[in-house]
Amino acid sequence: MNAREMNILFTSSGRRVSLIRKFKEAYASRGIQGKVVTADNKPTAPAAFAGDKHVLVPRVADPRYVETLLAICKEERIDLLIPLIDTELVLLAENRALFEQQHVRLLVSSVELNELASDKMKTFAFFTEHGIRTPRVYSEAEVQVEPLAFPLLIKPRRGSSSQGVTKIHSRRELDFFKDYIPEAMIQEYVTGEEYTVDVMLDFQGTIKAIVPRLRMETRAGEVSKGVTRRDAAVIRAVRQAVSVLPGAVGCITLQCFKQENGEITFIEINPRFGGGIPLAIEAGADFPLWTIMLGRGEQFTGEPDDSWDDDLTMLRYDDAFFTKEFAYGH
């Protein structure tokens, strides 16, 4: 793996310190030459202190965002660009050709997949169309005329990090929150074991690994306690779901419930590295190495790798960097 250098740019790096560290460990342990560059719109992003270099960029919505990334890729001789938040996925997928002209690969799925993942109504329609079990979504008309079985779940049609996701216990709560939450989407409330499942695919859609993580506890929409589970039923259901995703590339995370009756119900697709991916990596699923392979144009062969450790638990906590680099007010 050390035949030539591999330079990676992580955009919207924010607080993704654990992930950046895992990539740095992969470089060091295998003698891989190259650098890990982080990008964010803040110099104080914690991940800025985890890579080899940090660069500042405008916000994703800024018209200069793509041209700024292109300039950084040229300056830093970037081989592979990896976005880490949902809001830039469609934009980067739409501009893939501009990066490829500079010989930069994007670890980004197709425009179609990113659009359906970013709009939960499109996600619901996609799952339904392909016979993948998902919670029922109630139309405005159905909410008005049908007797409803509470609790229900209400959430923004577009959004991330579980912002605005609210459990509804009564018609009174429903009437309030459907006006309070932007583009409110009302759906069946599902219970059971909640899983986030990490899947790695190459640019041809070949699966390298499927790693289910049982969500034990979450904070601000991100898993804070979790455990790897080699659940055959979940793995089968995820393999089936991934097989119909249009243009899935790199790390894809799917969220699902395993209900008490054993049914697997899918609720969300995130076409990027999830916040809890360090657990899968620590368990032995070598996402950093596989990502570097893709950056070098390699393809996955053989059966999916299932050699990762089962029942490995992750208990996350806050850590800190201390620096005198920033002297605000002076």
Protein backbone atom coordinates (compact mmCIF):
# COMPACT_ATOMS: atom_id res chain seq x y z
CA MET A 1 0.00 0.00 0.00
CA ASN A 2 2.95 2.40 0.14
CA ALA A 3 3.69 2.45 -3.58
CA ARG A 4 2.79 6.14 -3.84
CA GLU A 5 1.35 8.83 -1.66
CA MET A 6 -2.35 9.30 -1.03
CA ASN A 7 -3.61 12.72 -0.02
CA ILE A 8 -7.15 12.91 1.40
CA LEU A 9 -9.31 15.97 2.02
CA PHE A 10 -12.14 15.70 4.57
CA THR A 11 -14.66 18.52 4.14
CA SER A 12 -16.97 19.81 6.87
CA SER A 13 -14.67 18.07 9.32
CA GLY A 14 -16.10 19.80 12.41
CA ARG A 15 -15.97 17.46 15.41
CA ARG A 16 -15.02 14.29 13.53
CA VAL A 17 -11.77 13.89 15.47
CA SER A 18 -12.10 10.13 16.05
CA LEU A 19 -12.55 9.41 12.34
CA ILE A 20 -9.57 11.57 11.34
CA ARG A 21 -7.44 9.85 13.97
CA LYS A 22 -8.43 6.43 12.63
CA PHE A 23 -7.21 7.45 9.17
CA LYS A 24 -3.96 8.80 10.61
CA GLU A 25 -3.46 5.48 12.41
CA ALA A 26 -4.01 3.60 9.15
CA TYR A 27 -1.35 5.71 7.43
CA ALA A 28 1.16 5.16 10.24
CA SER A 29 0.58 1.44 10.77
CA ARG A 30 0.91 0.59 7.08
CA GLY A 31 3.59 3.05 6.09
CA ILE A 32 1.27 4.86 3.70
CA GLN A 33 2.75 8.10 2.40
CA GLY A 34 0.64 11.21 2.12
CA LYS A 35 -1.39 13.57 4.25
CA VAL A 36 -4.83 14.00 5.73
CA VAL A 37 -6.17 17.53 5.18
CA THR A 38 -9.26 18.80 7.00
CA ALA A 39 -11.53 21.60 5.83
CA ASP A 40 -14.12 23.60 7.72
CA ASN A 41 -15.46 27.16 7.82
CA LYS A 42 -14.02 27.63 11.30
CA PRO A 43 -10.37 27.59 12.40
CA THR A 44 -11.58 26.32 15.78
CA ALA A 45 -13.11 23.10 14.41
CA PRO A 46 -11.71 20.37 16.72
CA ALA A 47 -10.81 18.19 13.73
CA ALA A 48 -8.40 20.94 12.67
CA PHE A 49 -6.00 19.59 15.29
CA ALA A 50 -6.31 15.92 14.28
CA GLY A 51 -5.04 15.94 10.69
CA ASP A 52 -1.84 17.09 9.00
CA LYS A 53 -3.21 20.43 7.79
CA HIS A 54 -6.41 22.44 8.19
CA VAL A 55 -7.84 24.76 5.55
CA LEU A 56 -10.67 27.29 5.78
CA VAL A 57 -13.56 27.25 3.32
CA PRO A 58 -16.80 29.24 2.93
CA ARG A 59 -20.10 27.78 4.06
CA VAL A 60 -21.54 25.09 1.80
CA ALA A 61 -24.30 27.45 0.62
CA ASP A 62 -21.74 30.04 -0.52
CA PRO A 63 -21.43 30.20 -4.35
CA ARG A 64 -17.64 30.04 -3.95
CA TYR A 65 -17.67 26.73 -2.09
CA VAL A 66 -16.95 24.38 -5.00
CA GLU A 67 -14.30 26.61 -6.60
CA THR A 68 -12.58 26.95 -3.21
CA LEU A 69 -12.44 23.17 -2.81
CA LEU A 70 -11.06 22.81 -6.34
CA ALA A 71 -8.31 25.29 -5.55
CA ILE A 72 -7.45 23.43 -2.33
CA CYS A 73 -7.34 20.12 -4.17
CA LYS A 74 -4.89 21.57 -6.67
CA GLU A 75 -2.73 23.26 -4.03
CA GLU A 76 -2.59 20.21 -1.72
CA ARG A 77 -2.41 17.61 -4.51
CA ILE A 78 -5.52 15.89 -3.21
CA ASP A 79 -6.32 12.41 -4.56
CA LEU A 80 -9.57 11.73 -2.71
CA LEU A 81 -12.21 14.08 -1.28
CA ILE A 82 -14.55 12.81 1.45
CA PRO A 83 -17.51 14.98 2.60
CA LEU A 84 -18.79 14.49 6.15
CA ILE A 85 -22.14 16.30 6.32
CA ASP A 86 -25.39 15.83 4.43
CA THR A 87 -25.82 19.39 3.15
CA GLU A 88 -22.94 19.21 0.68
CA LEU A 89 -23.54 15.74 -0.79
CA VAL A 90 -25.87 16.71 -3.64
CA LEU A 91 -23.75 19.75 -4.53
CA LEU A 92 -20.55 17.72 -4.76
CA ALA A 93 -22.24 14.91 -6.68
CA GLU A 94 -23.50 17.46 -9.21
CA ASN A 95 -19.97 18.83 -9.66
CA ARG A 96 -18.14 15.51 -9.78
CA ALA A 97 -16.82 16.12 -13.30
CA LEU A 98 -15.00 19.29 -12.23
CA PHE A 99 -13.02 17.35 -9.64
CA GLU A 100 -12.35 14.42 -11.95
CA GLN A 101 -10.83 16.87 -14.43
CA GLN A 102 -8.22 17.52 -11.71
CA HIS A 103 -7.83 13.76 -11.13
CA VAL A 104 -9.59 13.99 -7.77
CA ARG A 105 -11.94 11.16 -6.85
CA LEU A 106 -15.03 12.00 -4.80
CA LEU A 107 -16.21 9.45 -2.27
CA VAL A 108 -19.75 10.55 -3.04
CA SER A 109 -22.76 8.57 -4.22
CA SER A 110 -24.90 9.56 -7.20
CA VAL A 111 -27.02 12.70 -7.34
CA GLU A 112 -30.12 10.49 -7.36
CA LEU A 113 -29.19 8.65 -4.15
CA ASN A 114 -28.18 11.83 -2.33
CA GLU A 115 -31.41 13.57 -3.32
CA LEU A 116 -33.63 10.74 -2.13
CA ALA A 117 -31.64 10.43 1.10
CA SER A 118 -31.89 14.17 1.87
CA ASP A 119 -35.68 14.24 1.44
CA LYS A 120 -37.43 11.85 3.84
CA MET A 121 -40.57 11.76 1.72
CA LYS A 122 -38.47 10.57 -1.21
CA THR A 123 -36.82 8.04 1.09
CA PHE A 124 -40.25 6.74 2.12
CA ALA A 125 -41.39 6.55 -1.50
CA PHE A 126 -38.20 4.72 -2.52
CA PHE A 127 -38.48 2.13 0.24
CA THR A 128 -42.17 1.59 -0.54
CA GLU A 129 -41.55 1.26 -4.27
CA HIS A 130 -38.91 -1.42 -3.69
CA GLY A 131 -40.87 -3.40 -1.13
CA ILE A 132 -38.60 -2.42 1.77
CA ARG A 133 -40.51 -2.18 5.04
CA THR A 134 -40.64 1.38 6.39
CA PRO A 135 -42.95 3.28 8.77
CA ARG A 136 -46.21 4.47 7.27
CA VAL A 137 -46.36 8.17 6.44
CA TYR A 138 -49.69 9.97 6.89
CA SER A 139 -50.83 12.56 4.36
CA GLU A 140 -52.44 15.82 5.50
CA ALA A 141 -55.82 14.48 4.41
CA GLU A 142 -55.36 11.24 6.34
CA VAL A 143 -54.38 13.15 9.46
CA GLN A 144 -57.61 15.14 9.26
CA VAL A 145 -60.08 12.31 8.66
CA GLU A 146 -58.56 9.10 10.02
CA PRO A 147 -58.63 7.99 13.65
CA LEU A 148 -54.95 8.03 14.60
CA ALA A 149 -53.17 5.50 16.78
CA PHE A 150 -50.85 7.43 19.08
CA PRO A 151 -47.96 7.73 19.65
CA LEU A 152 -46.84 9.03 16.27
CA LEU A 153 -43.53 10.51 15.14
CA ILE A 154 -43.19 13.92 13.55
CA LYS A 155 -40.02 15.26 11.93
CA PRO A 156 -38.85 17.72 9.27
CA ARG A 157 -39.01 16.39 5.74
CA ARG A 158 -35.45 17.63 5.30
CA GLY A 159 -33.03 17.64 8.20
CA SER A 160 -30.32 15.75 10.04
CA SER A 161 -28.94 14.97 13.51
CA SER A 162 -32.50 14.18 14.70
CA GLN A 163 -33.30 17.90 14.86
CA GLY A 164 -37.03 18.44 15.22
CA VAL A 165 -37.81 14.72 15.59
CA THR A 166 -40.60 14.55 18.17
CA LYS A 167 -42.75 11.79 19.63
CA ILE A 168 -46.43 12.81 19.56
CA HIS A 169 -48.86 11.53 22.19
CA SER A 170 -52.11 13.31 21.35
CA ARG A 171 -54.07 15.20 18.72
CA ARG A 172 -53.35 18.43 20.60
CA GLU A 173 -49.59 17.87 20.38
CA LEU A 174 -49.93 16.93 16.72
CA ASP A 175 -51.80 20.12 15.85
CA PHE A 176 -49.11 22.20 17.53
CA PHE A 177 -45.99 20.50 16.18
CA LYS A 178 -47.15 20.08 12.57
CA ASP A 179 -47.31 23.88 12.34
CA TYR A 180 -44.16 24.42 14.42
CA ILE A 181 -41.85 22.01 12.57
CA PRO A 182 -40.94 23.10 9.00
CA GLU A 183 -42.27 20.77 6.29
CA ALA A 184 -43.57 18.45 8.98
CA MET A 185 -43.78 14.76 8.11
CA ILE A 186 -46.03 12.53 10.25
CA GLN A 187 -45.34 8.83 10.44
CA GLU A 188 -46.04 5.64 12.32
CA TYR A 189 -44.05 5.30 15.55
CA VAL A 190 -41.86 2.19 15.44
CA THR A 191 -40.21 0.50 18.42
CA GLY A 192 -37.63 -2.23 18.83
CA GLU A 193 -33.86 -2.47 18.68
CA GLU A 194 -32.50 0.47 16.71
CA TYR A 195 -29.51 -0.17 14.47
CA THR A 196 -27.17 1.99 12.49
CA VAL A 197 -25.51 -0.16 9.85
CA ASP A 198 -22.24 0.79 8.15
CA VAL A 199 -21.81 -0.51 4.61
CA MET A 200 -18.71 -0.11 2.44
CA LEU A 201 -18.98 -0.26 -1.37
CA ASP A 202 -16.57 0.40 -4.22
CA PHE A 203 -17.31 2.56 -7.27
CA GLN A 204 -18.92 -0.46 -8.98
CA GLY A 205 -21.28 -1.11 -6.07
CA THR A 206 -19.48 -4.19 -4.75
CA ILE A 207 -19.99 -4.59 -1.00
CA LYS A 208 -16.88 -4.96 1.15
CA ALA A 209 -18.51 -5.07 4.59
CA ILE A 210 -21.80 -4.71 6.46
CA VAL A 211 -21.44 -3.84 10.16
CA PRO A 212 -24.60 -3.40 12.29
CA ARG A 213 -24.25 -1.23 15.40
CA LEU A 214 -26.99 -1.42 18.03
CA ARG A 215 -27.72 2.10 19.28
CA MET A 216 -27.75 1.94 23.08
CA GLU A 217 -27.86 5.70 23.70
CA THR A 218 -27.78 8.84 21.59
CA ARG A 219 -26.97 12.49 22.19
CA ALA A 220 -27.88 15.31 19.81
CA GLY A 221 -28.86 12.74 17.18
CA GLU A 222 -25.52 10.92 17.28
CA VAL A 223 -24.78 7.61 18.98
CA SER A 224 -22.96 7.98 22.29
CA LYS A 225 -23.15 4.33 23.33
CA GLY A 226 -23.33 1.42 20.93
CA VAL A 227 -22.32 -2.18 20.39
CA THR A 228 -21.51 -4.19 17.25
CA ARG A 229 -23.98 -6.99 16.57
CA ARG A 230 -23.55 -9.69 13.94
CA ASP A 231 -27.29 -10.04 13.46
CA ALA A 232 -27.91 -12.21 10.41
CA ALA A 233 -31.43 -10.90 9.82
CA VAL A 234 -30.31 -7.26 9.89
CA ILE A 235 -27.36 -8.01 7.59
CA ARG A 236 -29.62 -9.80 5.07
CA ALA A 237 -32.14 -6.96 5.07
CA VAL A 238 -29.42 -4.34 4.64
CA ARG A 239 -27.80 -6.25 1.78
CA GLN A 240 -31.16 -6.36 0.02
CA ALA A 241 -31.78 -2.64 0.58
CA VAL A 242 -28.29 -1.62 -0.58
CA SER A 243 -28.63 -3.73 -3.73
CA VAL A 244 -31.31 -1.37 -5.08
CA LEU A 245 -29.71 1.93 -4.04
CA PRO A 246 -28.85 3.93 -7.18
CA GLY A 247 -25.12 4.68 -7.45
CA ALA A 248 -24.10 3.93 -3.85
CA VAL A 249 -20.38 4.60 -3.29
CA GLY A 250 -18.11 4.48 -0.24
CA CYS A 251 -19.49 4.33 3.28
CA ILE A 252 -23.29 4.28 3.44
CA THR A 253 -25.12 4.16 6.77
CA LEU A 254 -28.68 2.90 7.03
CA GLN A 255 -30.88 3.16 10.09
CA CYS A 256 -33.42 0.51 10.92
CA PHE A 257 -35.41 -1.08 13.73
CA LYS A 258 -35.58 -4.77 14.49
CA GLN A 259 -39.07 -5.04 15.92
CA GLU A 260 -40.21 -7.54 18.50
CA ASN A 261 -41.75 -9.73 15.78
CA GLY A 262 -38.38 -9.88 14.00
CA GLU A 263 -39.33 -7.56 11.13
CA ILE A 264 -36.64 -5.13 9.95
CA THR A 265 -38.02 -1.65 9.33
CA PHE A 266 -35.84 0.97 7.64
CA ILE A 267 -36.14 4.65 8.49
CA GLU A 268 -33.19 6.50 6.95
CA ILE A 269 -30.27 6.47 4.49
CA ASN A 270 -27.12 8.52 5.08
CA PRO A 271 -24.68 8.29 2.13
CA ARG A 272 -21.58 9.22 4.15
CA PHE A 273 -19.51 8.18 7.15
CA GLY A 274 -21.78 8.13 10.20
CA GLY A 275 -20.78 9.62 13.54
CA GLY A 276 -20.43 6.19 15.11
CA ILE A 277 -18.15 4.72 12.43
CA PRO A 278 -15.13 4.62 14.83
CA LEU A 279 -16.86 1.69 16.58
CA ALA A 280 -16.97 -0.35 13.37
CA ILE A 281 -13.34 0.53 12.64
CA GLU A 282 -12.20 -0.37 16.16
CA ALA A 283 -14.04 -3.69 15.77
CA GLY A 284 -11.78 -4.55 12.83
CA ALA A 285 -13.78 -3.34 9.82
CA ASP A 286 -10.96 -1.46 8.12
CA PHE A 287 -12.89 1.41 6.55
CA PRO A 288 -9.81 3.67 6.38
CA LEU A 289 -7.76 1.11 4.43
CA TRP A 290 -10.68 0.29 2.13
CA THR A 291 -11.21 4.00 1.52
CA ILE A 292 -7.55 4.45 0.59
CA MET A 293 -7.89 1.50 -1.80
CA LEU A 294 -10.78 3.26 -3.52
CA GLY A 295 -8.74 6.45 -3.71
CA ARG A 296 -6.16 4.47 -5.66
CA GLY A 297 -8.73 3.13 -8.08
CA GLU A 298 -8.84 -0.40 -6.71
CA GLN A 299 -11.95 -2.60 -6.68
CA PHE A 300 -13.27 -4.96 -4.02
CA THR A 301 -13.26 -8.66 -4.80
CA GLY A 302 -14.48 -11.78 -3.07
CA GLU A 303 -17.08 -12.14 -0.33
CA PRO A 304 -17.77 -9.31 2.12
CA ASP A 305 -15.37 -9.11 5.05
CA ASP A 306 -17.11 -10.28 8.23
CA SER A 307 -14.01 -10.72 10.38
CA TRP A 308 -14.88 -7.74 12.60
CA ASP A 309 -15.47 -8.29 16.32
CA ASP A 310 -19.00 -8.95 17.52
CA ASP A 311 -20.28 -7.43 20.79
CA LEU A 312 -17.68 -4.65 20.96
CA THR A 313 -19.12 -1.76 22.96
CA MET A 314 -18.32 1.92 22.46
CA LEU A 315 -18.87 4.45 25.27
CA ARG A 316 -18.15 7.92 23.91
CA TYR A 317 -17.25 10.97 25.95
CA ASP A 318 -16.08 14.52 25.33
CA ASP A 319 -12.38 15.22 24.94
CA ALA A 320 -10.61 18.53 24.34
CA PHE A 321 -7.71 20.23 22.59
CA PHE A 322 -5.94 23.02 24.46
CA THR A 323 -4.18 25.75 22.50
CA LYS A 324 -3.02 29.35 22.69
CA GLU A 325 -3.39 29.68 18.94
CA PHE A 326 -6.54 31.78 19.24
CA ALA A 327 -6.40 35.00 21.23
CA TYR A 328 -9.88 36.44 20.92
CA GLY A 329 -10.25 39.99 22.16
CA HIS A 330 -6.50 40.75 21.83
